[in-house]
Amino acid sequence: MASSNVKEKKPSAGKFFKGVRSEVKKVTWPTRKDVWQYTLVVLAMCFVSAVTIGALDAIFKFLFNLFA
C-alpha cells in the first residue's frame, strides 16, 4: 500500500454549527394551530390506550379469578 502525505482535516465546531443553522432554516415549522391539533390527537390516543388496557386488565382479572 502506498503511503499518503495528505492529512485529513478535523471538522471544526464552527463549521458544524454553521451547517446546523443552515439546515434548521430549511425546516418547515408547524403553526400554533397545528401543534394544538397534534397535541390533542396524542392526548386522545393516550386516553383511548389507557382505557383499553384498563378494560383488558379488568377482564383478564375477572377471568383468572373465575377459574382460580
N, C-alpha and C. Protein backbone atom coordinates (compact mmCIF):
# COMPACT_ATOMS: atom_id res chain seq x y z
N MET A 1 0.82 -1.18 0.00
CA MET A 1 0.00 0.00 0.00
C MET A 1 0.87 1.24 0.00
N ALA A 2 0.54 2.20 -0.81
CA ALA A 2 1.31 3.44 -0.86
C ALA A 2 0.89 4.36 0.26
N SER A 3 1.88 5.02 0.85
CA SER A 3 1.54 5.96 1.93
C SER A 3 1.15 7.29 1.33
N SER A 4 0.29 7.96 2.03
CA SER A 4 -0.22 9.24 1.54
C SER A 4 0.27 10.36 2.46
N ASN A 5 0.68 11.45 1.89
CA ASN A 5 1.15 12.60 2.67
C ASN A 5 0.03 13.59 2.95
N VAL A 6 -1.17 13.28 2.50
CA VAL A 6 -2.30 14.18 2.69
C VAL A 6 -2.89 13.95 4.08
N LYS A 7 -2.96 15.00 4.87
CA LYS A 7 -3.54 14.89 6.21
C LYS A 7 -5.04 15.14 6.12
N GLU A 8 -5.78 14.39 6.92
CA GLU A 8 -7.23 14.61 6.99
C GLU A 8 -7.49 15.80 7.90
N LYS A 9 -8.36 16.67 7.44
CA LYS A 9 -8.70 17.85 8.25
C LYS A 9 -9.75 17.47 9.29
N LYS A 10 -9.57 18.01 10.49
CA LYS A 10 -10.58 17.83 11.53
C LYS A 10 -11.72 18.79 11.26
N PRO A 11 -12.94 18.31 11.35
CA PRO A 11 -14.06 19.25 11.20
C PRO A 11 -14.11 20.19 12.40
N SER A 12 -14.28 21.46 12.13
CA SER A 12 -14.30 22.43 13.22
C SER A 12 -15.72 22.60 13.75
N ALA A 13 -15.79 23.03 15.01
CA ALA A 13 -17.09 23.25 15.65
C ALA A 13 -17.84 24.38 14.94
N GLY A 14 -17.15 25.38 14.49
CA GLY A 14 -17.78 26.50 13.79
C GLY A 14 -18.49 26.06 12.53
N LYS A 15 -17.83 25.20 11.74
CA LYS A 15 -18.46 24.70 10.51
C LYS A 15 -19.68 23.84 10.84
N PHE A 16 -19.55 23.06 11.91
CA PHE A 16 -20.66 22.20 12.31
C PHE A 16 -21.89 23.04 12.64
N PHE A 17 -21.73 24.04 13.50
CA PHE A 17 -22.87 24.85 13.91
C PHE A 17 -23.40 25.71 12.76
N LYS A 18 -22.53 26.10 11.85
CA LYS A 18 -22.98 26.83 10.66
C LYS A 18 -23.86 25.93 9.80
N GLY A 19 -23.45 24.66 9.67
CA GLY A 19 -24.25 23.70 8.91
C GLY A 19 -25.58 23.41 9.58
N VAL A 20 -25.56 23.30 10.92
CA VAL A 20 -26.80 23.07 11.66
C VAL A 20 -27.74 24.24 11.45
N ARG A 21 -27.22 25.43 11.55
CA ARG A 21 -28.06 26.63 11.39
C ARG A 21 -28.69 26.68 9.99
N SER A 22 -27.91 26.34 8.97
CA SER A 22 -28.47 26.38 7.61
C SER A 22 -29.53 25.29 7.43
N GLU A 23 -29.36 24.14 8.07
CA GLU A 23 -30.37 23.08 7.97
C GLU A 23 -31.65 23.44 8.72
N VAL A 24 -31.52 24.09 9.87
CA VAL A 24 -32.70 24.47 10.65
C VAL A 24 -33.53 25.50 9.89
N LYS A 25 -32.88 26.34 9.11
CA LYS A 25 -33.61 27.33 8.31
C LYS A 25 -34.48 26.66 7.23
N LYS A 26 -34.11 25.44 6.82
CA LYS A 26 -34.86 24.74 5.79
C LYS A 26 -36.10 24.03 6.33
N VAL A 27 -36.21 23.92 7.65
CA VAL A 27 -37.30 23.19 8.27
C VAL A 27 -38.60 23.97 8.12
N THR A 28 -39.66 23.27 7.78
CA THR A 28 -40.99 23.87 7.74
C THR A 28 -41.63 23.66 9.10
N TRP A 29 -41.71 24.72 9.88
CA TRP A 29 -42.22 24.62 11.24
C TRP A 29 -43.74 24.63 11.23
N PRO A 30 -44.37 23.83 12.11
CA PRO A 30 -45.84 23.80 12.16
C PRO A 30 -46.37 25.08 12.80
N THR A 31 -47.61 25.41 12.45
CA THR A 31 -48.24 26.59 13.04
C THR A 31 -48.71 26.26 14.45
N ARG A 32 -49.06 27.28 15.19
CA ARG A 32 -49.55 27.07 16.56
C ARG A 32 -50.82 26.20 16.54
N LYS A 33 -51.68 26.43 15.56
CA LYS A 33 -52.91 25.64 15.43
C LYS A 33 -52.59 24.17 15.18
N ASP A 34 -51.62 23.91 14.32
CA ASP A 34 -51.22 22.52 14.04
C ASP A 34 -50.67 21.84 15.29
N VAL A 35 -49.86 22.56 16.05
CA VAL A 35 -49.29 21.97 17.27
C VAL A 35 -50.39 21.61 18.25
N TRP A 36 -51.39 22.48 18.41
CA TRP A 36 -52.52 22.17 19.30
C TRP A 36 -53.28 20.95 18.82
N GLN A 37 -53.51 20.86 17.51
CA GLN A 37 -54.24 19.71 16.97
C GLN A 37 -53.45 18.42 17.19
N TYR A 38 -52.15 18.45 16.94
CA TYR A 38 -51.33 17.26 17.15
C TYR A 38 -51.30 16.87 18.63
N THR A 39 -51.24 17.85 19.50
CA THR A 39 -51.22 17.59 20.93
C THR A 39 -52.52 16.93 21.37
N LEU A 40 -53.65 17.44 20.88
CA LEU A 40 -54.94 16.85 21.24
C LEU A 40 -55.08 15.43 20.72
N VAL A 41 -54.57 15.17 19.53
CA VAL A 41 -54.61 13.81 18.98
C VAL A 41 -53.78 12.86 19.84
N VAL A 42 -52.60 13.30 20.26
CA VAL A 42 -51.74 12.46 21.10
C VAL A 42 -52.41 12.19 22.44
N LEU A 43 -52.98 13.22 23.06
CA LEU A 43 -53.64 13.03 24.34
C LEU A 43 -54.86 12.11 24.21
N ALA A 44 -55.62 12.27 23.13
CA ALA A 44 -56.78 11.40 22.91
C ALA A 44 -56.34 9.95 22.74
N MET A 45 -55.29 9.72 21.99
CA MET A 45 -54.80 8.35 21.78
C MET A 45 -54.26 7.75 23.08
N CYS A 46 -53.62 8.57 23.90
CA CYS A 46 -53.15 8.09 25.22
C CYS A 46 -54.34 7.69 26.07
N PHE A 47 -55.39 8.49 26.05
CA PHE A 47 -56.59 8.18 26.83
C PHE A 47 -57.24 6.89 26.35
N VAL A 48 -57.40 6.75 25.04
CA VAL A 48 -58.01 5.54 24.46
C VAL A 48 -57.16 4.31 24.80
N SER A 49 -55.85 4.44 24.70
CA SER A 49 -54.97 3.31 25.02
C SER A 49 -55.08 2.94 26.50
N ALA A 50 -55.12 3.93 27.38
CA ALA A 50 -55.22 3.66 28.81
C ALA A 50 -56.54 2.97 29.15
N VAL A 51 -57.63 3.44 28.55
CA VAL A 51 -58.93 2.83 28.81
C VAL A 51 -58.96 1.39 28.28
N THR A 52 -58.41 1.18 27.10
CA THR A 52 -58.38 -0.16 26.51
C THR A 52 -57.57 -1.12 27.37
N ILE A 53 -56.38 -0.70 27.79
CA ILE A 53 -55.54 -1.56 28.62
C ILE A 53 -56.20 -1.80 29.97
N GLY A 54 -56.82 -0.78 30.54
CA GLY A 54 -57.52 -0.96 31.81
C GLY A 54 -58.67 -1.93 31.70
N ALA A 55 -59.43 -1.83 30.61
CA ALA A 55 -60.55 -2.75 30.40
C ALA A 55 -60.06 -4.18 30.21
N LEU A 56 -59.02 -4.36 29.42
CA LEU A 56 -58.47 -5.71 29.23
C LEU A 56 -57.93 -6.27 30.54
N ASP A 57 -57.31 -5.43 31.34
CA ASP A 57 -56.80 -5.87 32.64
C ASP A 57 -57.95 -6.33 33.54
N ALA A 58 -59.03 -5.57 33.56
CA ALA A 58 -60.18 -5.94 34.39
C ALA A 58 -60.81 -7.24 33.90
N ILE A 59 -60.91 -7.40 32.59
CA ILE A 59 -61.49 -8.62 32.02
C ILE A 59 -60.64 -9.83 32.38
N PHE A 60 -59.33 -9.73 32.19
CA PHE A 60 -58.45 -10.86 32.50
C PHE A 60 -58.42 -11.15 34.00
N LYS A 61 -58.48 -10.12 34.81
CA LYS A 61 -58.52 -10.32 36.26
C LYS A 61 -59.79 -11.09 36.65
N PHE A 62 -60.91 -10.68 36.05
CA PHE A 62 -62.17 -11.38 36.31
C PHE A 62 -62.10 -12.84 35.88
N LEU A 63 -61.57 -13.08 34.69
CA LEU A 63 -61.48 -14.45 34.18
C LEU A 63 -60.54 -15.31 35.01
N PHE A 64 -59.40 -14.76 35.43
CA PHE A 64 -58.48 -15.55 36.25
C PHE A 64 -59.07 -15.85 37.63
N ASN A 65 -59.81 -14.89 38.19
CA ASN A 65 -60.45 -15.14 39.48
C ASN A 65 -61.60 -16.14 39.34
N LEU A 66 -62.26 -16.14 38.20
CA LEU A 66 -63.36 -17.06 37.95
C LEU A 66 -62.87 -18.50 37.91
N PHE A 67 -61.72 -18.73 37.27
CA PHE A 67 -61.21 -20.08 37.08
C PHE A 67 -60.19 -20.49 38.15
N ALA A 68 -59.83 -19.59 39.03
CA ALA A 68 -58.81 -19.93 40.05
C ALA A 68 -59.44 -20.47 41.30
